[in-house]
Amino acid sequence: MDTWVLFPGQMKTFNEGERPGGWAGCRGVVVINLNNEDFLAFDMACPNCVWVGGATVVEWQLLAQPMPNYFHCTMCNTRFNPLDGRPMQGAETPYTMRQYRVTRLSEWELHIHN
């Protein structure tokens, strides 16, 4: 098991590749630490492109990174709000990024689930 330090305002991607039997196009999960108490988790796959071969909205990163102003899909050129996964103004899609629930198990453990 790996341990990662994720400070407030940072995000970290966890990429296990496509998951057979899972949501089509799943490319991993991005976790955002909002304030050490609240965390967000989204699927890295673009909800607009998932049915046409899939594209990642969040590029995989080895280390924790600062949270960006938006997530960007280069396939359909849609930008998504990292706080709620919704397409930003001007997007041509009604789809939001798939969000997961995050339960804090301890100071160092999170459970990410549907």
Protein backbone atom coordinates (compact mmCIF):
# COMPACT_ATOMS: atom_id res chain seq x y z
CA MET A 1 0.00 0.00 0.00
CA ASP A 2 1.31 3.43 -0.93
CA THR A 3 1.02 6.45 1.32
CA TRP A 4 0.62 9.88 -0.23
CA VAL A 5 0.60 13.26 1.46
CA LEU A 6 -2.01 15.46 -0.11
CA PHE A 7 -2.07 19.01 1.24
CA PRO A 8 -5.12 21.32 1.02
CA GLY A 9 -5.57 22.71 -2.47
CA GLN A 10 -3.74 19.78 -4.05
CA MET A 11 -4.90 16.92 -6.22
CA LYS A 12 -3.48 13.48 -6.93
CA THR A 13 -4.42 11.04 -9.67
CA PHE A 14 -4.62 7.31 -9.14
CA ASN A 15 -4.56 5.43 -12.41
CA GLU A 16 -5.25 1.73 -12.55
CA GLY A 17 -6.06 1.72 -16.28
CA GLU A 18 -9.38 0.61 -17.67
CA ARG A 19 -11.39 -1.54 -15.33
CA PRO A 20 -13.14 -4.48 -17.02
CA GLY A 21 -16.81 -4.53 -16.12
CA GLY A 22 -16.64 -0.99 -14.81
CA TRP A 23 -17.87 2.27 -16.24
CA ALA A 24 -16.81 2.44 -19.90
CA GLY A 25 -13.66 4.45 -20.42
CA CYS A 26 -12.60 4.61 -16.78
CA ARG A 27 -9.03 5.88 -16.71
CA GLY A 28 -8.53 6.23 -12.96
CA VAL A 29 -9.56 8.64 -10.23
CA VAL A 30 -8.46 12.15 -9.28
CA VAL A 31 -8.69 13.05 -5.57
CA ILE A 32 -8.75 16.68 -4.39
CA ASN A 33 -8.03 17.81 -0.83
CA LEU A 34 -10.13 20.92 -0.28
CA ASN A 35 -9.23 21.74 3.33
CA ASN A 36 -7.95 18.61 5.12
CA GLU A 37 -11.51 17.75 6.10
CA ASP A 38 -13.32 17.72 2.76
CA PHE A 39 -12.18 15.71 -0.25
CA LEU A 40 -13.56 15.31 -3.76
CA ALA A 41 -13.01 12.40 -6.16
CA PHE A 42 -13.84 12.24 -9.87
CA ASP A 43 -13.37 9.72 -12.63
CA MET A 44 -10.57 10.87 -14.95
CA ALA A 45 -12.54 9.91 -18.08
CA CYS A 46 -14.34 12.62 -20.04
CA PRO A 47 -18.10 11.97 -19.79
CA ASN A 48 -18.58 13.45 -23.26
CA CYS A 49 -16.02 11.22 -25.01
CA VAL A 50 -16.37 8.03 -22.99
CA TRP A 51 -18.50 6.33 -25.64
CA VAL A 52 -16.17 7.17 -28.54
CA GLY A 53 -13.00 5.57 -27.26
CA GLY A 54 -12.66 7.68 -24.15
CA ALA A 55 -10.32 10.49 -23.27
CA THR A 56 -8.87 11.58 -19.98
CA VAL A 57 -9.90 14.92 -18.56
CA VAL A 58 -7.14 14.88 -15.97
CA GLU A 59 -3.66 13.83 -16.99
CA TRP A 60 -2.04 11.22 -14.80
CA GLN A 61 0.57 12.67 -12.40
CA LEU A 62 3.08 10.73 -10.32
CA LEU A 63 3.08 13.29 -7.50
CA ALA A 64 0.48 15.53 -5.90
CA GLN A 65 -0.08 18.76 -7.86
CA PRO A 66 -1.86 22.06 -7.15
CA MET A 67 -5.52 21.95 -8.09
CA PRO A 68 -6.01 23.60 -11.51
CA ASN A 69 -8.69 26.15 -12.40
CA TYR A 70 -10.30 23.55 -14.67
CA PHE A 71 -9.94 20.03 -16.03
CA HIS A 72 -9.58 19.89 -19.80
CA CYS A 73 -10.46 17.17 -22.32
CA THR A 74 -8.28 17.58 -25.39
CA MET A 75 -10.52 15.29 -27.46
CA CYS A 76 -13.70 17.39 -27.27
CA ASN A 77 -12.06 20.57 -25.91
CA THR A 78 -14.43 20.72 -22.93
CA ARG A 79 -13.36 22.28 -19.64
CA PHE A 80 -14.84 21.02 -16.37
CA ASN A 81 -15.07 22.74 -12.99
CA PRO A 82 -12.82 20.83 -10.53
CA LEU A 83 -15.15 21.63 -7.61
CA ASP A 84 -18.29 20.00 -9.02
CA GLY A 85 -17.28 18.29 -12.29
CA ARG A 86 -19.74 20.32 -14.36
CA PRO A 87 -18.86 21.61 -17.81
CA MET A 88 -17.82 25.23 -17.73
CA GLN A 89 -19.48 28.06 -19.63
CA GLY A 90 -19.34 27.61 -23.38
CA ALA A 91 -19.14 23.81 -23.27
CA GLU A 92 -21.19 21.89 -25.79
CA THR A 93 -22.01 19.02 -23.47
CA PRO A 94 -24.54 18.62 -20.65
CA TYR A 95 -22.55 15.81 -19.02
CA THR A 96 -20.74 16.18 -15.72
CA MET A 97 -17.68 14.24 -14.63
CA ARG A 98 -18.55 11.11 -12.67
CA GLN A 99 -18.11 11.89 -8.97
CA TYR A 100 -17.34 9.38 -6.24
CA ARG A 101 -18.03 9.59 -2.54
CA VAL A 102 -15.03 10.01 -0.25
CA THR A 103 -15.12 8.76 3.32
CA ARG A 104 -12.25 9.62 5.64
CA LEU A 105 -11.24 6.51 7.58
CA SER A 106 -8.34 8.00 9.51
CA GLU A 107 -5.83 10.83 9.30
CA TRP A 108 -4.01 8.96 6.53
CA GLU A 109 -6.76 6.91 4.86
CA LEU A 110 -9.61 7.69 2.50
CA HIS A 111 -12.22 5.32 1.11
CA ILE A 112 -13.38 6.24 -2.39
CA HIS A 113 -16.59 4.54 -3.49
CA ASN A 114 -19.77 4.86 -5.58
